[in-house]
Amino acid sequence: MAEITVGALRQIELFESLKRRDLDAVAELFQREEFGRGDEVFRQGQRGQKAYYVKQGTLLARHVDPQGLEQRHTLVSEDFFGETSLLLSEPHDATVQATSDVVLLTLDKRT
């Protein structure tokens, strides 16, 4: 049974134009991953292999630009991130760390 709903997938730009049967198929491809508070999901500069849907919890994304300035963004339930790294195999542009216990649904590049 999929942990992500078709309705949730329709809210994600990457999937919004898919037909219902295709959304059902995509929903079955997501895998559950859990992280504890303080765990790092990935680090800025690492090669991306997955996209992430926040099922539960909060995370902090920190981007440090070449001048050393840091930008922060909070990720919460129903946010989707990592798709650019997944699709283009580019390094992550931020470090993402759990600020609470987190349940993420992931879609890996191979899938």
PDB file of N, CA and C in Angstrom:
ATOM      1  N   MET A   1       0.839  -1.195   0.000  1.00  0.00           N
ATOM      2  CA  MET A   1       0.000   0.000   0.000  1.00  0.00           C
ATOM      3  C   MET A   1       0.881   1.255   0.000  1.00  0.00           C
ATOM      4  N   ALA A   2       0.573   2.169  -0.865  1.00  0.00           N
ATOM      5  CA  ALA A   2       1.355   3.401  -0.989  1.00  0.00           C
ATOM      6  C   ALA A   2       1.128   4.307   0.217  1.00  0.00           C
ATOM      7  N   GLU A   3       2.193   4.967   0.636  1.00  0.00           N
ATOM      8  CA  GLU A   3       2.089   5.910   1.751  1.00  0.00           C
ATOM      9  C   GLU A   3       1.878   7.335   1.272  1.00  0.00           C
ATOM     10  N   ILE A   4       1.968   7.546  -0.026  1.00  0.00           N
ATOM     11  CA  ILE A   4       1.713   8.867  -0.589  1.00  0.00           C
ATOM     12  C   ILE A   4       0.446   8.759  -1.443  1.00  0.00           C
ATOM     13  N   THR A   5      -0.406   9.731  -1.335  1.00  0.00           N
ATOM     14  CA  THR A   5      -1.680   9.682  -2.052  1.00  0.00           C
ATOM     15  C   THR A   5      -1.558  10.300  -3.440  1.00  0.00           C
ATOM     16  N   VAL A   6      -2.486   9.937  -4.285  1.00  0.00           N
ATOM     17  CA  VAL A   6      -2.552  10.524  -5.614  1.00  0.00           C
ATOM     18  C   VAL A   6      -2.767  12.032  -5.496  1.00  0.00           C
ATOM     19  N   GLY A   7      -3.591  12.444  -4.552  1.00  0.00           N
ATOM     20  CA  GLY A   7      -3.821  13.873  -4.332  1.00  0.00           C
ATOM     21  C   GLY A   7      -2.550  14.614  -3.978  1.00  0.00           C
ATOM     22  N   ALA A   8      -1.709  13.994  -3.146  1.00  0.00           N
ATOM     23  CA  ALA A   8      -0.434  14.618  -2.779  1.00  0.00           C
ATOM     24  C   ALA A   8       0.487  14.700  -3.993  1.00  0.00           C
ATOM     25  N   LEU A   9       0.520  13.651  -4.793  1.00  0.00           N
ATOM     26  CA  LEU A   9       1.362  13.665  -5.994  1.00  0.00           C
ATOM     27  C   LEU A   9       0.922  14.741  -6.970  1.00  0.00           C
ATOM     28  N   ARG A  10      -0.378  14.958  -7.070  1.00  0.00           N
ATOM     29  CA  ARG A  10      -0.893  15.987  -7.990  1.00  0.00           C
ATOM     30  C   ARG A  10      -0.456  17.394  -7.581  1.00  0.00           C
ATOM     31  N   GLN A  11      -0.104  17.587  -6.324  1.00  0.00           N
ATOM     32  CA  GLN A  11       0.343  18.892  -5.836  1.00  0.00           C
ATOM     33  C   GLN A  11       1.820  19.145  -6.157  1.00  0.00           C
ATOM     34  N   ILE A  12       2.513  18.131  -6.635  1.00  0.00           N
ATOM     35  CA  ILE A  12       3.935  18.230  -6.955  1.00  0.00           C
ATOM     36  C   ILE A  12       4.070  18.494  -8.455  1.00  0.00           C
ATOM     37  N   GLU A  13       4.711  19.592  -8.800  1.00  0.00           N
ATOM     38  CA  GLU A  13       4.817  20.017 -10.197  1.00  0.00           C
ATOM     39  C   GLU A  13       5.323  18.912 -11.120  1.00  0.00           C
ATOM     40  N   LEU A  14       6.257  18.133 -10.664  1.00  0.00           N
ATOM     41  CA  LEU A  14       6.846  17.069 -11.468  1.00  0.00           C
ATOM     42  C   LEU A  14       5.802  16.048 -11.923  1.00  0.00           C
ATOM     43  N   PHE A  15       4.764  15.835 -11.126  1.00  0.00           N
ATOM     44  CA  PHE A  15       3.777  14.797 -11.404  1.00  0.00           C
ATOM     45  C   PHE A  15       2.400  15.322 -11.792  1.00  0.00           C
ATOM     46  N   GLU A  16       2.183  16.613 -11.741  1.00  0.00           N
ATOM     47  CA  GLU A  16       0.840  17.174 -11.881  1.00  0.00           C
ATOM     48  C   GLU A  16       0.138  16.846 -13.197  1.00  0.00           C
ATOM     49  N   SER A  17       0.872  16.581 -14.266  1.00  0.00           N
ATOM     50  CA  SER A  17       0.228  16.316 -15.553  1.00  0.00           C
ATOM     51  C   SER A  17      -0.013  14.828 -15.825  1.00  0.00           C
ATOM     52  N   LEU A  18       0.373  13.963 -14.893  1.00  0.00           N
ATOM     53  CA  LEU A  18       0.181  12.527 -15.095  1.00  0.00           C
ATOM     54  C   LEU A  18      -1.283  12.125 -14.941  1.00  0.00           C
ATOM     55  N   LYS A  19      -1.653  11.075 -15.652  1.00  0.00           N
ATOM     56  CA  LYS A  19      -2.997  10.502 -15.532  1.00  0.00           C
ATOM     57  C   LYS A  19      -3.099   9.694 -14.241  1.00  0.00           C
ATOM     58  N   ARG A  20      -4.317   9.438 -13.821  1.00  0.00           N
ATOM     59  CA  ARG A  20      -4.577   8.744 -12.550  1.00  0.00           C
ATOM     60  C   ARG A  20      -3.828   7.413 -12.462  1.00  0.00           C
ATOM     61  N   ARG A  21      -3.898   6.608 -13.502  1.00  0.00           N
ATOM     62  CA  ARG A  21      -3.237   5.286 -13.443  1.00  0.00           C
ATOM     63  C   ARG A  21      -1.719   5.430 -13.314  1.00  0.00           C
ATOM     64  N   ASP A  22      -1.167   6.459 -13.946  1.00  0.00           N
ATOM     65  CA  ASP A  22       0.269   6.704 -13.826  1.00  0.00           C
ATOM     66  C   ASP A  22       0.630   7.191 -12.423  1.00  0.00           C
ATOM     67  N   LEU A  23      -0.218   8.044 -11.850  1.00  0.00           N
ATOM     68  CA  LEU A  23       0.000   8.497 -10.476  1.00  0.00           C
ATOM     69  C   LEU A  23      -0.063   7.326  -9.501  1.00  0.00           C
ATOM     70  N   ASP A  24      -1.012   6.419  -9.707  1.00  0.00           N
ATOM     71  CA  ASP A  24      -1.101   5.220  -8.864  1.00  0.00           C
ATOM     72  C   ASP A  24       0.198   4.418  -8.934  1.00  0.00           C
ATOM     73  N   ALA A  25       0.739   4.278 -10.148  1.00  0.00           N
ATOM     74  CA  ALA A  25       1.984   3.522 -10.327  1.00  0.00           C
ATOM     75  C   ALA A  25       3.159   4.226  -9.655  1.00  0.00           C
ATOM     76  N   VAL A  26       3.244   5.538  -9.815  1.00  0.00           N
ATOM     77  CA  VAL A  26       4.331   6.299  -9.191  1.00  0.00           C
ATOM     78  C   VAL A  26       4.245   6.207  -7.669  1.00  0.00           C
ATOM     79  N   ALA A  27       3.054   6.304  -7.131  1.00  0.00           N
ATOM     80  CA  ALA A  27       2.877   6.243  -5.668  1.00  0.00           C
ATOM     81  C   ALA A  27       3.453   4.954  -5.086  1.00  0.00           C
ATOM     82  N   GLU A  28       3.351   3.875  -5.817  1.00  0.00           N
ATOM     83  CA  GLU A  28       3.862   2.578  -5.342  1.00  0.00           C
ATOM     84  C   GLU A  28       5.388   2.506  -5.345  1.00  0.00           C
ATOM     85  N   LEU A  29       6.046   3.421  -6.034  1.00  0.00           N
ATOM     86  CA  LEU A  29       7.507   3.401  -6.146  1.00  0.00           C
ATOM     87  C   LEU A  29       8.214   4.054  -4.967  1.00  0.00           C
ATOM     88  N   PHE A  30       7.512   4.866  -4.201  1.00  0.00           N
ATOM     89  CA  PHE A  30       8.127   5.565  -3.074  1.00  0.00           C
ATOM     90  C   PHE A  30       8.472   4.593  -1.946  1.00  0.00           C
ATOM     91  N   GLN A  31       9.625   4.823  -1.332  1.00  0.00           N
ATOM     92  CA  GLN A  31      10.086   4.019  -0.199  1.00  0.00           C
ATOM     93  C   GLN A  31      10.122   4.882   1.061  1.00  0.00           C
ATOM     94  N   ARG A  32       9.845   4.279   2.193  1.00  0.00           N
ATOM     95  CA  ARG A  32       9.835   4.984   3.478  1.00  0.00           C
ATOM     96  C   ARG A  32      11.238   4.984   4.085  1.00  0.00           C
ATOM     97  N   GLU A  33      11.664   6.164   4.564  1.00  0.00           N
ATOM     98  CA  GLU A  33      12.930   6.294   5.294  1.00  0.00           C
ATOM     99  C   GLU A  33      12.667   7.148   6.530  1.00  0.00           C
ATOM    100  N   GLU A  34      13.279   6.777   7.627  1.00  0.00           N
ATOM    101  CA  GLU A  34      13.104   7.523   8.880  1.00  0.00           C
ATOM    102  C   GLU A  34      14.447   8.085   9.330  1.00  0.00           C
ATOM    103  N   PHE A  35      14.385   9.312   9.865  1.00  0.00           N
ATOM    104  CA  PHE A  35      15.571   9.992  10.391  1.00  0.00           C
ATOM    105  C   PHE A  35      15.235  10.544  11.761  1.00  0.00           C
ATOM    106  N   GLY A  36      16.193  10.493  12.667  1.00  0.00           N
ATOM    107  CA  GLY A  36      16.016  11.070  13.994  1.00  0.00           C
ATOM    108  C   GLY A  36      16.435  12.529  13.999  1.00  0.00           C
ATOM    109  N   ARG A  37      15.982  13.222  15.031  1.00  0.00           N
ATOM    110  CA  ARG A  37      16.358  14.633  15.181  1.00  0.00           C
ATOM    111  C   ARG A  37      17.880  14.767  15.137  1.00  0.00           C
ATOM    112  N   GLY A  38      18.368  15.692  14.301  1.00  0.00           N
ATOM    113  CA  GLY A  38      19.803  15.928  14.162  1.00  0.00           C
ATOM    114  C   GLY A  38      20.455  15.141  13.038  1.00  0.00           C
ATOM    115  N   ASP A  39      19.780  14.120  12.523  1.00  0.00           N
ATOM    116  CA  ASP A  39      20.345  13.331  11.425  1.00  0.00           C
ATOM    117  C   ASP A  39      20.405  14.163  10.149  1.00  0.00           C
ATOM    118  N   GLU A  40      21.467  13.974   9.409  1.00  0.00           N
ATOM    119  CA  GLU A  40      21.622  14.644   8.132  1.00  0.00           C
ATOM    120  C   GLU A  40      21.055  13.741   7.032  1.00  0.00           C
ATOM    121  N   VAL A  41      20.198  14.289   6.202  1.00  0.00           N
ATOM    122  CA  VAL A  41      19.631  13.538   5.081  1.00  0.00           C
ATOM    123  C   VAL A  41      20.633  13.527   3.931  1.00  0.00           C
ATOM    124  N   PHE A  42      21.187  14.685   3.622  1.00  0.00           N
ATOM    125  CA  PHE A  42      22.275  14.805   2.666  1.00  0.00           C
ATOM    126  C   PHE A  42      22.996  16.120   2.897  1.00  0.00           C
ATOM    127  N   ARG A  43      24.174  16.229   2.283  1.00  0.00           N
ATOM    128  CA  ARG A  43      25.044  17.394   2.461  1.00  0.00           C
ATOM    129  C   ARG A  43      25.189  18.149   1.134  1.00  0.00           C
ATOM    130  N   GLN A  44      25.260  19.470   1.249  1.00  0.00           N
ATOM    131  CA  GLN A  44      25.487  20.306   0.063  1.00  0.00           C
ATOM    132  C   GLN A  44      26.724  19.811  -0.666  1.00  0.00           C
ATOM    133  N   GLY A  45      26.592  19.647  -1.983  1.00  0.00           N
ATOM    134  CA  GLY A  45      27.705  19.183  -2.802  1.00  0.00           C
ATOM    135  C   GLY A  45      27.683  17.694  -3.095  1.00  0.00           C
ATOM    136  N   GLN A  46      26.943  16.908  -2.290  1.00  0.00           N
ATOM    137  CA  GLN A  46      26.829  15.482  -2.567  1.00  0.00           C
ATOM    138  C   GLN A  46      25.992  15.261  -3.819  1.00  0.00           C
ATOM    139  N   ARG A  47      26.329  14.234  -4.576  1.00  0.00           N
ATOM    140  CA  ARG A  47      25.579  13.882  -5.775  1.00  0.00           C
ATOM    141  C   ARG A  47      24.204  13.346  -5.351  1.00  0.00           C
ATOM    142  N   GLY A  48      23.175  13.851  -5.976  1.00  0.00           N
ATOM    143  CA  GLY A  48      21.815  13.453  -5.621  1.00  0.00           C
ATOM    144  C   GLY A  48      21.354  12.215  -6.354  1.00  0.00           C
ATOM    145  N   GLN A  49      20.693  11.332  -5.641  1.00  0.00           N
ATOM    146  CA  GLN A  49      20.162  10.101  -6.223  1.00  0.00           C
ATOM    147  C   GLN A  49      18.689   9.877  -5.892  1.00  0.00           C
ATOM    148  N   LYS A  50      18.100  10.780  -5.106  1.00  0.00           N
ATOM    149  CA  LYS A  50      16.722  10.598  -4.654  1.00  0.00           C
ATOM    150  C   LYS A  50      15.989  11.927  -4.616  1.00  0.00           C
ATOM    151  N   ALA A  51      14.676  11.830  -4.711  1.00  0.00           N
ATOM    152  CA  ALA A  51      13.790  12.952  -4.399  1.00  0.00           C
ATOM    153  C   ALA A  51      13.056  12.559  -3.118  1.00  0.00           C
ATOM    154  N   TYR A  52      12.640  13.547  -2.350  1.00  0.00           N
ATOM    155  CA  TYR A  52      12.084  13.308  -1.021  1.00  0.00           C
ATOM    156  C   TYR A  52      10.744  14.015  -0.847  1.00  0.00           C
ATOM    157  N   TYR A  53       9.796  13.307  -0.219  1.00  0.00           N
ATOM    158  CA  TYR A  53       8.502  13.864   0.166  1.00  0.00           C
ATOM    159  C   TYR A  53       8.437  13.778   1.684  1.00  0.00           C
ATOM    160  N   VAL A  54       8.144  14.892   2.337  1.00  0.00           N
ATOM    161  CA  VAL A  54       8.081  14.905   3.797  1.00  0.00           C
ATOM    162  C   VAL A  54       6.703  14.395   4.225  1.00  0.00           C
ATOM    163  N   LYS A  55       6.686  13.196   4.765  1.00  0.00           N
ATOM    164  CA  LYS A  55       5.450  12.585   5.263  1.00  0.00           C
ATOM    165  C   LYS A  55       5.126  13.121   6.662  1.00  0.00           C
ATOM    166  N   GLN A  56       6.191  13.270   7.464  1.00  0.00           N
ATOM    167  CA  GLN A  56       6.007  13.703   8.852  1.00  0.00           C
ATOM    168  C   GLN A  56       7.295  14.321   9.361  1.00  0.00           C
ATOM    169  N   GLY A  57       7.173  15.411  10.143  1.00  0.00           N
ATOM    170  CA  GLY A  57       8.334  16.027  10.769  1.00  0.00           C
ATOM    171  C   GLY A  57       8.769  17.302  10.076  1.00  0.00           C
ATOM    172  N   THR A  58       9.880  17.847  10.583  1.00  0.00           N
ATOM    173  CA  THR A  58      10.441  19.077  10.021  1.00  0.00           C
ATOM    174  C   THR A  58      11.934  18.911   9.794  1.00  0.00           C
ATOM    175  N   LEU A  59      12.417  19.631   8.797  1.00  0.00           N
ATOM    176  CA  LEU A  59      13.831  19.599   8.447  1.00  0.00           C
ATOM    177  C   LEU A  59      14.305  21.021   8.186  1.00  0.00           C
ATOM    178  N   LEU A  60      15.605  21.215   8.268  1.00  0.00           N
ATOM    179  CA  LEU A  60      16.209  22.498   7.955  1.00  0.00           C
ATOM    180  C   LEU A  60      17.123  22.308   6.755  1.00  0.00           C
ATOM    181  N   ALA A  61      16.899  23.126   5.718  1.00  0.00           N
ATOM    182  CA  ALA A  61      17.783  23.142   4.550  1.00  0.00           C
ATOM    183  C   ALA A  61      18.674  24.371   4.673  1.00  0.00           C
ATOM    184  N   ARG A  62      19.985  24.157   4.596  1.00  0.00           N
ATOM    185  CA  ARG A  62      20.956  25.256   4.687  1.00  0.00           C
ATOM    186  C   ARG A  62      21.795  25.296   3.416  1.00  0.00           C
ATOM    187  N   HIS A  63      21.777  26.441   2.751  1.00  0.00           N
ATOM    188  CA  HIS A  63      22.594  26.656   1.546  1.00  0.00           C
ATOM    189  C   HIS A  63      23.639  27.718   1.868  1.00  0.00           C
ATOM    190  N   VAL A  64      24.899  27.404   1.581  1.00  0.00           N
ATOM    191  CA  VAL A  64      25.977  28.369   1.762  1.00  0.00           C
ATOM    192  C   VAL A  64      26.491  28.729   0.373  1.00  0.00           C
ATOM    193  N   ASP A  65      26.408  30.029   0.037  1.00  0.00           N
ATOM    194  CA  ASP A  65      26.849  30.471  -1.291  1.00  0.00           C
ATOM    195  C   ASP A  65      28.373  30.636  -1.312  1.00  0.00           C
ATOM    196  N   PRO A  66      28.953  30.876  -2.494  1.00  0.00           N
ATOM    197  CA  PRO A  66      30.418  30.984  -2.602  1.00  0.00           C
ATOM    198  C   PRO A  66      31.039  32.076  -1.728  1.00  0.00           C
ATOM    199  N   GLN A  67      30.261  33.091  -1.357  1.00  0.00           N
ATOM    200  CA  GLN A  67      30.771  34.152  -0.486  1.00  0.00           C
ATOM    201  C   GLN A  67      30.653  33.786   0.998  1.00  0.00           C
ATOM    202  N   GLY A  68      30.095  32.610   1.284  1.00  0.00           N
ATOM    203  CA  GLY A  68      29.964  32.159   2.658  1.00  0.00           C
ATOM    204  C   GLY A  68      28.672  32.575   3.338  1.00  0.00           C
ATOM    205  N   LEU A  69      27.762  33.210   2.606  1.00  0.00           N
ATOM    206  CA  LEU A  69      26.467  33.601   3.184  1.00  0.00           C
ATOM    207  C   LEU A  69      25.539  32.397   3.224  1.00  0.00           C
ATOM    208  N   GLU A  70      24.884  32.234   4.357  1.00  0.00           N
ATOM    209  CA  GLU A  70      24.002  31.080   4.550  1.00  0.00           C
ATOM    210  C   GLU A  70      22.538  31.490   4.423  1.00  0.00           C
ATOM    211  N   GLN A  71      21.786  30.685   3.687  1.00  0.00           N
ATOM    212  CA  GLN A  71      20.339  30.836   3.603  1.00  0.00           C
ATOM    213  C   GLN A  71      19.734  29.590   4.224  1.00  0.00           C
ATOM    214  N   ARG A  72      18.645  29.798   4.974  1.00  0.00           N
ATOM    215  CA  ARG A  72      17.970  28.683   5.648  1.00  0.00           C
ATOM    216  C   ARG A  72      16.523  28.618   5.212  1.00  0.00           C
ATOM    217  N   HIS A  73      16.021  27.390   5.124  1.00  0.00           N
ATOM    218  CA  HIS A  73      14.632  27.167   4.745  1.00  0.00           C
ATOM    219  C   HIS A  73      14.120  25.955   5.521  1.00  0.00           C
ATOM    220  N   THR A  74      12.943  26.079   6.089  1.00  0.00           N
ATOM    221  CA  THR A  74      12.342  24.963   6.823  1.00  0.00           C
ATOM    222  C   THR A  74      11.465  24.149   5.883  1.00  0.00           C
ATOM    223  N   LEU A  75      11.610  22.843   5.951  1.00  0.00           N
ATOM    224  CA  LEU A  75      10.792  21.908   5.187  1.00  0.00           C
ATOM    225  C   LEU A  75       9.833  21.218   6.154  1.00  0.00           C
ATOM    226  N   VAL A  76       8.569  21.117   5.769  1.00  0.00           N
ATOM    227  CA  VAL A  76       7.536  20.545   6.630  1.00  0.00           C
ATOM    228  C   VAL A  76       6.726  19.509   5.855  1.00  0.00           C
ATOM    229  N   SER A  77       5.779  18.884   6.543  1.00  0.00           N
ATOM    230  CA  SER A  77       4.930  17.873   5.926  1.00  0.00           C
ATOM    231  C   SER A  77       4.377  18.347   4.595  1.00  0.00           C
ATOM    232  N   GLU A  78       4.420  17.457   3.627  1.00  0.00           N
ATOM    233  CA  GLU A  78       3.933  17.636   2.262  1.00  0.00           C
ATOM    234  C   GLU A  78       4.897  18.396   1.356  1.00  0.00           C
ATOM    235  N   ASP A  79       6.068  18.825   1.868  1.00  0.00           N
ATOM    236  CA  ASP A  79       7.068  19.438   1.001  1.00  0.00           C
ATOM    237  C   ASP A  79       7.769  18.338   0.204  1.00  0.00           C
ATOM    238  N   PHE A  80       8.201  18.689  -0.992  1.00  0.00           N
ATOM    239  CA  PHE A  80       8.906  17.777  -1.889  1.00  0.00           C
ATOM    240  C   PHE A  80      10.214  18.458  -2.267  1.00  0.00           C
ATOM    241  N   PHE A  81      11.329  17.741  -2.160  1.00  0.00           N
ATOM    242  CA  PHE A  81      12.627  18.349  -2.456  1.00  0.00           C
ATOM    243  C   PHE A  81      13.587  17.308  -3.008  1.00  0.00           C
ATOM    244  N   GLY A  82      14.655  17.799  -3.629  1.00  0.00           N
ATOM    245  CA  GLY A  82      15.686  16.910  -4.175  1.00  0.00           C
ATOM    246  C   GLY A  82      15.445  16.495  -5.613  1.00  0.00           C
ATOM    247  N   GLU A  83      14.365  16.983  -6.223  1.00  0.00           N
ATOM    248  CA  GLU A  83      14.028  16.532  -7.574  1.00  0.00           C
ATOM    249  C   GLU A  83      15.037  16.983  -8.632  1.00  0.00           C
ATOM    250  N   THR A  84      15.646  18.148  -8.457  1.00  0.00           N
ATOM    251  CA  THR A  84      16.635  18.610  -9.436  1.00  0.00           C
ATOM    252  C   THR A  84      17.852  17.694  -9.433  1.00  0.00           C
ATOM    253  N   SER A  85      18.316  17.334  -8.263  1.00  0.00           N
ATOM    254  CA  SER A  85      19.457  16.419  -8.168  1.00  0.00           C
ATOM    255  C   SER A  85      19.091  15.052  -8.732  1.00  0.00           C
ATOM    256  N   LEU A  86      17.873  14.614  -8.483  1.00  0.00           N
ATOM    257  CA  LEU A  86      17.418  13.318  -8.982  1.00  0.00           C
ATOM    258  C   LEU A  86      17.399  13.306 -10.511  1.00  0.00           C
ATOM    259  N   LEU A  87      16.785  14.305 -11.109  1.00  0.00           N
ATOM    260  CA  LEU A  87      16.587  14.320 -12.555  1.00  0.00           C
ATOM    261  C   LEU A  87      17.850  14.647 -13.334  1.00  0.00           C
ATOM    262  N   LEU A  88      18.666  15.561 -12.809  1.00  0.00           N
ATOM    263  CA  LEU A  88      19.829  16.030 -13.547  1.00  0.00           C
ATOM    264  C   LEU A  88      21.157  15.474 -13.038  1.00  0.00           C
ATOM    265  N   SER A  89      21.101  14.673 -11.983  1.00  0.00           N
ATOM    266  CA  SER A  89      22.311  14.106 -11.358  1.00  0.00           C
ATOM    267  C   SER A  89      23.298  15.188 -10.939  1.00  0.00           C
ATOM    268  N   GLU A  90      22.773  16.329 -10.543  1.00  0.00           N
ATOM    269  CA  GLU A  90      23.617  17.420 -10.067  1.00  0.00           C
ATOM    270  C   GLU A  90      23.791  17.310  -8.553  1.00  0.00           C
ATOM    271  N   PRO A  91      24.862  17.896  -8.039  1.00  0.00           N
ATOM    272  CA  PRO A  91      25.056  17.888  -6.587  1.00  0.00           C
ATOM    273  C   PRO A  91      23.944  18.674  -5.891  1.00  0.00           C
ATOM    274  N   HIS A  92      23.640  18.264  -4.676  1.00  0.00           N
ATOM    275  CA  HIS A  92      22.648  18.996  -3.880  1.00  0.00           C
ATOM    276  C   HIS A  92      23.147  20.408  -3.621  1.00  0.00           C
ATOM    277  N   ASP A  93      22.237  21.371  -3.667  1.00  0.00           N
ATOM    278  CA  ASP A  93      22.625  22.761  -3.440  1.00  0.00           C
ATOM    279  C   ASP A  93      22.423  23.197  -1.994  1.00  0.00           C
ATOM    280  N   ALA A  94      22.079  22.250  -1.129  1.00  0.00           N
ATOM    281  CA  ALA A  94      21.886  22.562   0.291  1.00  0.00           C
ATOM    282  C   ALA A  94      22.167  21.317   1.125  1.00  0.00           C
ATOM    283  N   THR A  95      22.399  21.544   2.399  1.00  0.00           N
ATOM    284  CA  THR A  95      22.472  20.463   3.376  1.00  0.00           C
ATOM    285  C   THR A  95      21.111  20.399   4.055  1.00  0.00           C
ATOM    286  N   VAL A  96      20.552  19.200   4.170  1.00  0.00           N
ATOM    287  CA  VAL A  96      19.240  19.027   4.804  1.00  0.00           C
ATOM    288  C   VAL A  96      19.404  18.157   6.036  1.00  0.00           C
ATOM    289  N   GLN A  97      18.910  18.676   7.174  1.00  0.00           N
ATOM    290  CA  GLN A  97      19.047  17.996   8.455  1.00  0.00           C
ATOM    291  C   GLN A  97      17.689  17.960   9.151  1.00  0.00           C
ATOM    292  N   ALA A  98      17.377  16.834   9.776  1.00  0.00           N
ATOM    293  CA  ALA A  98      16.118  16.689  10.513  1.00  0.00           C
ATOM    294  C   ALA A  98      16.163  17.528  11.788  1.00  0.00           C
ATOM    295  N   THR A  99      15.108  18.301  12.035  1.00  0.00           N
ATOM    296  CA  THR A  99      15.005  19.076  13.273  1.00  0.00           C
ATOM    297  C   THR A  99      14.008  18.433  14.229  1.00  0.00           C
ATOM    298  N   SER A 100      13.409  17.338  13.798  1.00  0.00           N
ATOM    299  CA  SER A 100      12.545  16.500  14.625  1.00  0.00           C
ATOM    300  C   SER A 100      12.685  15.089  14.069  1.00  0.00           C
ATOM    301  N   ASP A 101      12.029  14.127  14.686  1.00  0.00           N
ATOM    302  CA  ASP A 101      11.971  12.813  14.056  1.00  0.00           C
ATOM    303  C   ASP A 101      11.190  12.988  12.761  1.00  0.00           C
ATOM    304  N   VAL A 102      11.686  12.370  11.687  1.00  0.00           N
ATOM    305  CA  VAL A 102      11.151  12.615  10.354  1.00  0.00           C
ATOM    306  C   VAL A 102      10.857  11.307   9.635  1.00  0.00           C
ATOM    307  N   VAL A 103       9.751  11.296   8.900  1.00  0.00           N
ATOM    308  CA  VAL A 103       9.450  10.215   7.975  1.00  0.00           C
ATOM    309  C   VAL A 103       9.448  10.829   6.578  1.00  0.00           C
ATOM    310  N   LEU A 104      10.341  10.315   5.737  1.00  0.00           N
ATOM    311  CA  LEU A 104      10.427  10.766   4.350  1.00  0.00           C
ATOM    312  C   LEU A 104      10.035   9.623   3.431  1.00  0.00           C
ATOM    313  N   LEU A 105       9.372   9.963   2.349  1.00  0.00           N
ATOM    314  CA  LEU A 105       9.088   9.004   1.296  1.00  0.00           C
ATOM    315  C   LEU A 105      10.025   9.369   0.153  1.00  0.00           C
ATOM    316  N   THR A 106      10.806   8.394  -0.311  1.00  0.00           N
ATOM    317  CA  THR A 106      11.841   8.690  -1.281  1.00  0.00           C
ATOM    318  C   THR A 106      11.595   7.971  -2.605  1.00  0.00           C
ATOM    319  N   LEU A 107      12.034   8.609  -3.650  1.00  0.00           N
ATOM    320  CA  LEU A 107      11.983   8.045  -4.992  1.00  0.00           C
ATOM    321  C   LEU A 107      13.398   8.107  -5.519  1.00  0.00           C
ATOM    322  N   ASP A 108      14.014   6.939  -5.764  1.00  0.00           N
ATOM    323  CA  ASP A 108      15.410   6.951  -6.171  1.00  0.00           C
ATOM    324  C   ASP A 108      15.560   6.988  -7.695  1.00  0.00           C
ATOM    325  N   LYS A 109      16.720   7.374  -8.139  1.00  0.00           N
ATOM    326  CA  LYS A 109      17.003   7.574  -9.556  1.00  0.00           C
ATOM    327  C   LYS A 109      16.795   6.297 -10.354  1.00  0.00           C
ATOM    328  N   ARG A 110      17.247   5.201  -9.853  1.00  0.00           N
ATOM    329  CA  ARG A 110      17.119   3.933 -10.572  1.00  0.00           C
ATOM    330  C   ARG A 110      15.659   3.577 -10.833  1.00  0.00           C
ATOM    331  N   THR A 111      14.825   3.802  -9.826  1.00  0.00           N
ATOM    332  CA  THR A 111      13.399   3.510  -9.964  1.00  0.00           C
ATOM    333  C   THR A 111      12.775   4.427 -10.976  1.00  0.00           C
TER     334      THR A 111
END
